[in-house]
Amino acid sequence: MIDVTRLDGKSITINSDLIETVEETPDTIITLTTGKKIIVKESRQNVKNLVKSFRRECFPVE
């Protein structure tokens, strides 16, 4: 799960396994596998880094 910020300033937590695409147009739009679209303040690269960080926590390399 990752925390992101909607354009209205409210924080939400989304399941990163459901992310299908992340695009900047110029707003960052996260499209989930359910078809739902979420517009967030974070950049595309920041969302990518959040997902990578979360997965490192779940699956540490030993």
PDB file of N, CA and C in Angstrom:
ATOM      1  N   MET A   1       0.843  -1.170   0.000  1.00  0.00           N
ATOM      2  CA  MET A   1       0.000   0.000   0.000  1.00  0.00           C
ATOM      3  C   MET A   1       0.896   1.244   0.000  1.00  0.00           C
ATOM      4  N   ILE A   2       0.483   2.256  -0.752  1.00  0.00           N
ATOM      5  CA  ILE A   2       1.245   3.509  -0.783  1.00  0.00           C
ATOM      6  C   ILE A   2       0.313   4.674  -0.484  1.00  0.00           C
ATOM      7  N   ASP A   3       0.856   5.699   0.137  1.00  0.00           N
ATOM      8  CA  ASP A   3       0.097   6.907   0.442  1.00  0.00           C
ATOM      9  C   ASP A   3       0.383   7.961  -0.622  1.00  0.00           C
ATOM     10  N   VAL A   4      -0.694   8.532  -1.177  1.00  0.00           N
ATOM     11  CA  VAL A   4      -0.584   9.594  -2.164  1.00  0.00           C
ATOM     12  C   VAL A   4      -1.546  10.709  -1.768  1.00  0.00           C
ATOM     13  N   THR A   5      -1.425  11.859  -2.433  1.00  0.00           N
ATOM     14  CA  THR A   5      -2.234  13.024  -2.092  1.00  0.00           C
ATOM     15  C   THR A   5      -3.099  13.435  -3.278  1.00  0.00           C
ATOM     16  N   ARG A   6      -4.400  13.497  -3.047  1.00  0.00           N
ATOM     17  CA  ARG A   6      -5.306  13.994  -4.091  1.00  0.00           C
ATOM     18  C   ARG A   6      -5.071  15.491  -4.294  1.00  0.00           C
ATOM     19  N   LEU A   7      -5.589  16.036  -5.370  1.00  0.00           N
ATOM     20  CA  LEU A   7      -5.398  17.462  -5.660  1.00  0.00           C
ATOM     21  C   LEU A   7      -6.027  18.357  -4.609  1.00  0.00           C
ATOM     22  N   ASP A   8      -7.063  17.856  -3.899  1.00  0.00           N
ATOM     23  CA  ASP A   8      -7.701  18.661  -2.851  1.00  0.00           C
ATOM     24  C   ASP A   8      -6.939  18.618  -1.534  1.00  0.00           C
ATOM     25  N   GLY A   9      -5.787  17.912  -1.515  1.00  0.00           N
ATOM     26  CA  GLY A   9      -4.940  17.859  -0.337  1.00  0.00           C
ATOM     27  C   GLY A   9      -5.192  16.678   0.579  1.00  0.00           C
ATOM     28  N   LYS A  10      -6.215  15.883   0.300  1.00  0.00           N
ATOM     29  CA  LYS A  10      -6.523  14.725   1.139  1.00  0.00           C
ATOM     30  C   LYS A  10      -5.592  13.568   0.792  1.00  0.00           C
ATOM     31  N   SER A  11      -5.068  12.919   1.837  1.00  0.00           N
ATOM     32  CA  SER A  11      -4.199  11.760   1.637  1.00  0.00           C
ATOM     33  C   SER A  11      -5.056  10.510   1.504  1.00  0.00           C
ATOM     34  N   ILE A  12      -4.652   9.633   0.589  1.00  0.00           N
ATOM     35  CA  ILE A  12      -5.324   8.350   0.447  1.00  0.00           C
ATOM     36  C   ILE A  12      -4.260   7.262   0.338  1.00  0.00           C
ATOM     37  N   THR A  13      -4.633   6.066   0.692  1.00  0.00           N
ATOM     38  CA  THR A  13      -3.757   4.907   0.584  1.00  0.00           C
ATOM     39  C   THR A  13      -4.325   3.998  -0.495  1.00  0.00           C
ATOM     40  N   ILE A  14      -3.475   3.623  -1.451  1.00  0.00           N
ATOM     41  CA  ILE A  14      -3.946   2.745  -2.517  1.00  0.00           C
ATOM     42  C   ILE A  14      -3.102   1.473  -2.552  1.00  0.00           C
ATOM     43  N   ASN A  15      -3.705   0.421  -3.032  1.00  0.00           N
ATOM     44  CA  ASN A  15      -3.029  -0.858  -3.181  1.00  0.00           C
ATOM     45  C   ASN A  15      -2.158  -0.785  -4.438  1.00  0.00           C
ATOM     46  N   SER A  16      -0.860  -0.816  -4.242  1.00  0.00           N
ATOM     47  CA  SER A  16       0.056  -0.648  -5.382  1.00  0.00           C
ATOM     48  C   SER A  16      -0.029  -1.818  -6.364  1.00  0.00           C
ATOM     49  N   ASP A  17      -0.546  -2.953  -5.929  1.00  0.00           N
ATOM     50  CA  ASP A  17      -0.709  -4.096  -6.835  1.00  0.00           C
ATOM     51  C   ASP A  17      -1.808  -3.841  -7.866  1.00  0.00           C
ATOM     52  N   LEU A  18      -2.669  -2.874  -7.599  1.00  0.00           N
ATOM     53  CA  LEU A  18      -3.771  -2.575  -8.519  1.00  0.00           C
ATOM     54  C   LEU A  18      -3.427  -1.489  -9.537  1.00  0.00           C
ATOM     55  N   ILE A  19      -2.223  -0.913  -9.447  1.00  0.00           N
ATOM     56  CA  ILE A  19      -1.838   0.140 -10.390  1.00  0.00           C
ATOM     57  C   ILE A  19      -1.542  -0.471 -11.754  1.00  0.00           C
ATOM     58  N   GLU A  20      -2.248   0.038 -12.749  1.00  0.00           N
ATOM     59  CA  GLU A  20      -2.019  -0.419 -14.130  1.00  0.00           C
ATOM     60  C   GLU A  20      -1.093   0.549 -14.856  1.00  0.00           C
ATOM     61  N   THR A  21      -1.404   1.857 -14.780  1.00  0.00           N
ATOM     62  CA  THR A  21      -0.552   2.862 -15.413  1.00  0.00           C
ATOM     63  C   THR A  21      -0.483   4.110 -14.545  1.00  0.00           C
ATOM     64  N   VAL A  22       0.611   4.863 -14.730  1.00  0.00           N
ATOM     65  CA  VAL A  22       0.774   6.181 -14.113  1.00  0.00           C
ATOM     66  C   VAL A  22       1.248   7.108 -15.216  1.00  0.00           C
ATOM     67  N   GLU A  23       0.503   8.193 -15.435  1.00  0.00           N
ATOM     68  CA  GLU A  23       0.878   9.118 -16.505  1.00  0.00           C
ATOM     69  C   GLU A  23       0.796  10.563 -16.016  1.00  0.00           C
ATOM     70  N   GLU A  24       1.631  11.419 -16.603  1.00  0.00           N
ATOM     71  CA  GLU A  24       1.614  12.853 -16.310  1.00  0.00           C
ATOM     72  C   GLU A  24       1.100  13.582 -17.542  1.00  0.00           C
ATOM     73  N   THR A  25       0.012  14.354 -17.354  1.00  0.00           N
ATOM     74  CA  THR A  25      -0.602  15.001 -18.518  1.00  0.00           C
ATOM     75  C   THR A  25      -1.103  16.420 -18.281  1.00  0.00           C
ATOM     76  N   PRO A  26      -0.625  17.385 -17.618  1.00  0.00           N
ATOM     77  CA  PRO A  26       0.511  17.413 -16.711  1.00  0.00           C
ATOM     78  C   PRO A  26       0.193  16.875 -15.323  1.00  0.00           C
ATOM     79  N   ASP A  27      -1.118  16.765 -14.953  1.00  0.00           N
ATOM     80  CA  ASP A  27      -1.433  16.153 -13.663  1.00  0.00           C
ATOM     81  C   ASP A  27      -1.075  14.676 -13.711  1.00  0.00           C
ATOM     82  N   THR A  28      -0.752  14.113 -12.562  1.00  0.00           N
ATOM     83  CA  THR A  28      -0.422  12.698 -12.499  1.00  0.00           C
ATOM     84  C   THR A  28      -1.709  11.907 -12.308  1.00  0.00           C
ATOM     85  N   ILE A  29      -1.963  10.990 -13.229  1.00  0.00           N
ATOM     86  CA  ILE A  29      -3.168  10.172 -13.194  1.00  0.00           C
ATOM     87  C   ILE A  29      -2.763   8.714 -12.992  1.00  0.00           C
ATOM     88  N   ILE A  30      -3.262   8.128 -11.911  1.00  0.00           N
ATOM     89  CA  ILE A  30      -3.025   6.711 -11.638  1.00  0.00           C
ATOM     90  C   ILE A  30      -4.276   5.962 -12.089  1.00  0.00           C
ATOM     91  N   THR A  31      -4.099   5.005 -13.000  1.00  0.00           N
ATOM     92  CA  THR A  31      -5.205   4.169 -13.444  1.00  0.00           C
ATOM     93  C   THR A  31      -5.044   2.804 -12.797  1.00  0.00           C
ATOM     94  N   LEU A  32      -6.109   2.356 -12.133  1.00  0.00           N
ATOM     95  CA  LEU A  32      -6.088   1.057 -11.468  1.00  0.00           C
ATOM     96  C   LEU A  32      -6.637  -0.022 -12.402  1.00  0.00           C
ATOM     97  N   THR A  33      -6.356  -1.258 -12.081  1.00  0.00           N
ATOM     98  CA  THR A  33      -6.839  -2.369 -12.899  1.00  0.00           C
ATOM     99  C   THR A  33      -8.360  -2.454 -12.893  1.00  0.00           C
ATOM    100  N   THR A  34      -8.994  -1.800 -11.927  1.00  0.00           N
ATOM    101  CA  THR A  34     -10.458  -1.769 -11.843  1.00  0.00           C
ATOM    102  C   THR A  34     -11.061  -0.766 -12.823  1.00  0.00           C
ATOM    103  N   GLY A  35     -10.194   0.072 -13.426  1.00  0.00           N
ATOM    104  CA  GLY A  35     -10.656   1.106 -14.338  1.00  0.00           C
ATOM    105  C   GLY A  35     -10.766   2.469 -13.678  1.00  0.00           C
ATOM    106  N   LYS A  36     -10.702   2.513 -12.344  1.00  0.00           N
ATOM    107  CA  LYS A  36     -10.782   3.780 -11.617  1.00  0.00           C
ATOM    108  C   LYS A  36      -9.529   4.598 -11.864  1.00  0.00           C
ATOM    109  N   LYS A  37      -9.704   5.925 -12.006  1.00  0.00           N
ATOM    110  CA  LYS A  37      -8.584   6.844 -12.210  1.00  0.00           C
ATOM    111  C   LYS A  37      -8.510   7.777 -11.013  1.00  0.00           C
ATOM    112  N   ILE A  38      -7.289   7.991 -10.523  1.00  0.00           N
ATOM    113  CA  ILE A  38      -7.066   8.866  -9.384  1.00  0.00           C
ATOM    114  C   ILE A  38      -6.039   9.916  -9.795  1.00  0.00           C
ATOM    115  N   ILE A  39      -6.376  11.186  -9.619  1.00  0.00           N
ATOM    116  CA  ILE A  39      -5.453  12.279  -9.929  1.00  0.00           C
ATOM    117  C   ILE A  39      -4.756  12.668  -8.628  1.00  0.00           C
ATOM    118  N   VAL A  40      -3.423  12.684  -8.647  1.00  0.00           N
ATOM    119  CA  VAL A  40      -2.648  12.941  -7.436  1.00  0.00           C
ATOM    120  C   VAL A  40      -1.625  14.051  -7.657  1.00  0.00           C
ATOM    121  N   LYS A  41      -1.139  14.615  -6.538  1.00  0.00           N
ATOM    122  CA  LYS A  41      -0.140  15.681  -6.596  1.00  0.00           C
ATOM    123  C   LYS A  41       1.257  15.158  -6.889  1.00  0.00           C
ATOM    124  N   GLU A  42       1.556  13.934  -6.477  1.00  0.00           N
ATOM    125  CA  GLU A  42       2.894  13.376  -6.663  1.00  0.00           C
ATOM    126  C   GLU A  42       3.209  13.212  -8.147  1.00  0.00           C
ATOM    127  N   SER A  43       4.479  13.316  -8.480  1.00  0.00           N
ATOM    128  CA  SER A  43       4.911  13.111  -9.866  1.00  0.00           C
ATOM    129  C   SER A  43       4.874  11.620 -10.205  1.00  0.00           C
ATOM    130  N   ARG A  44       4.938  11.322 -11.479  1.00  0.00           N
ATOM    131  CA  ARG A  44       4.975   9.930 -11.927  1.00  0.00           C
ATOM    132  C   ARG A  44       6.180   9.220 -11.319  1.00  0.00           C
ATOM    133  N   GLN A  45       7.326   9.877 -11.320  1.00  0.00           N
ATOM    134  CA  GLN A  45       8.541   9.282 -10.766  1.00  0.00           C
ATOM    135  C   GLN A  45       8.408   9.051  -9.266  1.00  0.00           C
ATOM    136  N   ASN A  46       7.777   9.979  -8.562  1.00  0.00           N
ATOM    137  CA  ASN A  46       7.577   9.825  -7.128  1.00  0.00           C
ATOM    138  C   ASN A  46       6.681   8.625  -6.834  1.00  0.00           C
ATOM    139  N   VAL A  47       5.602   8.447  -7.603  1.00  0.00           N
ATOM    140  CA  VAL A  47       4.717   7.285  -7.420  1.00  0.00           C
ATOM    141  C   VAL A  47       5.509   6.002  -7.663  1.00  0.00           C
ATOM    142  N   LYS A  48       6.309   6.001  -8.697  1.00  0.00           N
ATOM    143  CA  LYS A  48       7.148   4.847  -9.007  1.00  0.00           C
ATOM    144  C   LYS A  48       8.082   4.528  -7.831  1.00  0.00           C
ATOM    145  N   ASN A  49       8.710   5.559  -7.266  1.00  0.00           N
ATOM    146  CA  ASN A  49       9.609   5.364  -6.133  1.00  0.00           C
ATOM    147  C   ASN A  49       8.866   4.854  -4.897  1.00  0.00           C
ATOM    148  N   LEU A  50       7.646   5.339  -4.676  1.00  0.00           N
ATOM    149  CA  LEU A  50       6.847   4.862  -3.554  1.00  0.00           C
ATOM    150  C   LEU A  50       6.545   3.363  -3.692  1.00  0.00           C
ATOM    151  N   VAL A  51       6.203   2.944  -4.893  1.00  0.00           N
ATOM    152  CA  VAL A  51       5.907   1.526  -5.132  1.00  0.00           C
ATOM    153  C   VAL A  51       7.164   0.685  -4.920  1.00  0.00           C
ATOM    154  N   LYS A  52       8.284   1.143  -5.454  1.00  0.00           N
ATOM    155  CA  LYS A  52       9.541   0.400  -5.291  1.00  0.00           C
ATOM    156  C   LYS A  52       9.921   0.291  -3.820  1.00  0.00           C
ATOM    157  N   SER A  53       9.775   1.369  -3.076  1.00  0.00           N
ATOM    158  CA  SER A  53      10.101   1.367  -1.654  1.00  0.00           C
ATOM    159  C   SER A  53       9.189   0.411  -0.889  1.00  0.00           C
ATOM    160  N   PHE A  54       7.908   0.430  -1.198  1.00  0.00           N
ATOM    161  CA  PHE A  54       6.956  -0.469  -0.535  1.00  0.00           C
ATOM    162  C   PHE A  54       7.314  -1.930  -0.809  1.00  0.00           C
ATOM    163  N   ARG A  55       7.651  -2.232  -2.042  1.00  0.00           N
ATOM    164  CA  ARG A  55       7.974  -3.624  -2.394  1.00  0.00           C
ATOM    165  C   ARG A  55       9.273  -4.077  -1.746  1.00  0.00           C
ATOM    166  N   ARG A  56      10.222  -3.159  -1.564  1.00  0.00           N
ATOM    167  CA  ARG A  56      11.460  -3.502  -0.850  1.00  0.00           C
ATOM    168  C   ARG A  56      11.166  -3.872   0.598  1.00  0.00           C
ATOM    169  N   GLU A  57      10.196  -3.161   1.204  1.00  0.00           N
ATOM    170  CA  GLU A  57       9.803  -3.470   2.575  1.00  0.00           C
ATOM    171  C   GLU A  57       9.168  -4.859   2.662  1.00  0.00           C
ATOM    172  N   CYS A  58       8.367  -5.194   1.667  1.00  0.00           N
ATOM    173  CA  CYS A  58       7.646  -6.477   1.684  1.00  0.00           C
ATOM    174  C   CYS A  58       8.558  -7.651   1.331  1.00  0.00           C
ATOM    175  N   PHE A  59       9.499  -7.417   0.440  1.00  0.00           N
ATOM    176  CA  PHE A  59      10.364  -8.484  -0.065  1.00  0.00           C
ATOM    177  C   PHE A  59      11.824  -8.084   0.039  1.00  0.00           C
ATOM    178  N   PRO A  60      12.357  -8.030   1.258  1.00  0.00           N
ATOM    179  CA  PRO A  60      13.755  -7.620   1.418  1.00  0.00           C
ATOM    180  C   PRO A  60      14.717  -8.639   0.801  1.00  0.00           C
ATOM    181  N   VAL A  61      15.775  -8.125   0.225  1.00  0.00           N
ATOM    182  CA  VAL A  61      16.813  -8.979  -0.358  1.00  0.00           C
ATOM    183  C   VAL A  61      17.818  -9.299   0.748  1.00  0.00           C
ATOM    184  N   GLU A  62      18.075 -10.564   0.901  1.00  0.00           N
ATOM    185  CA  GLU A  62      19.009 -10.973   1.974  1.00  0.00           C
ATOM    186  C   GLU A  62      20.358 -11.318   1.437  1.00  0.00           C
TER     187      GLU A  62
END
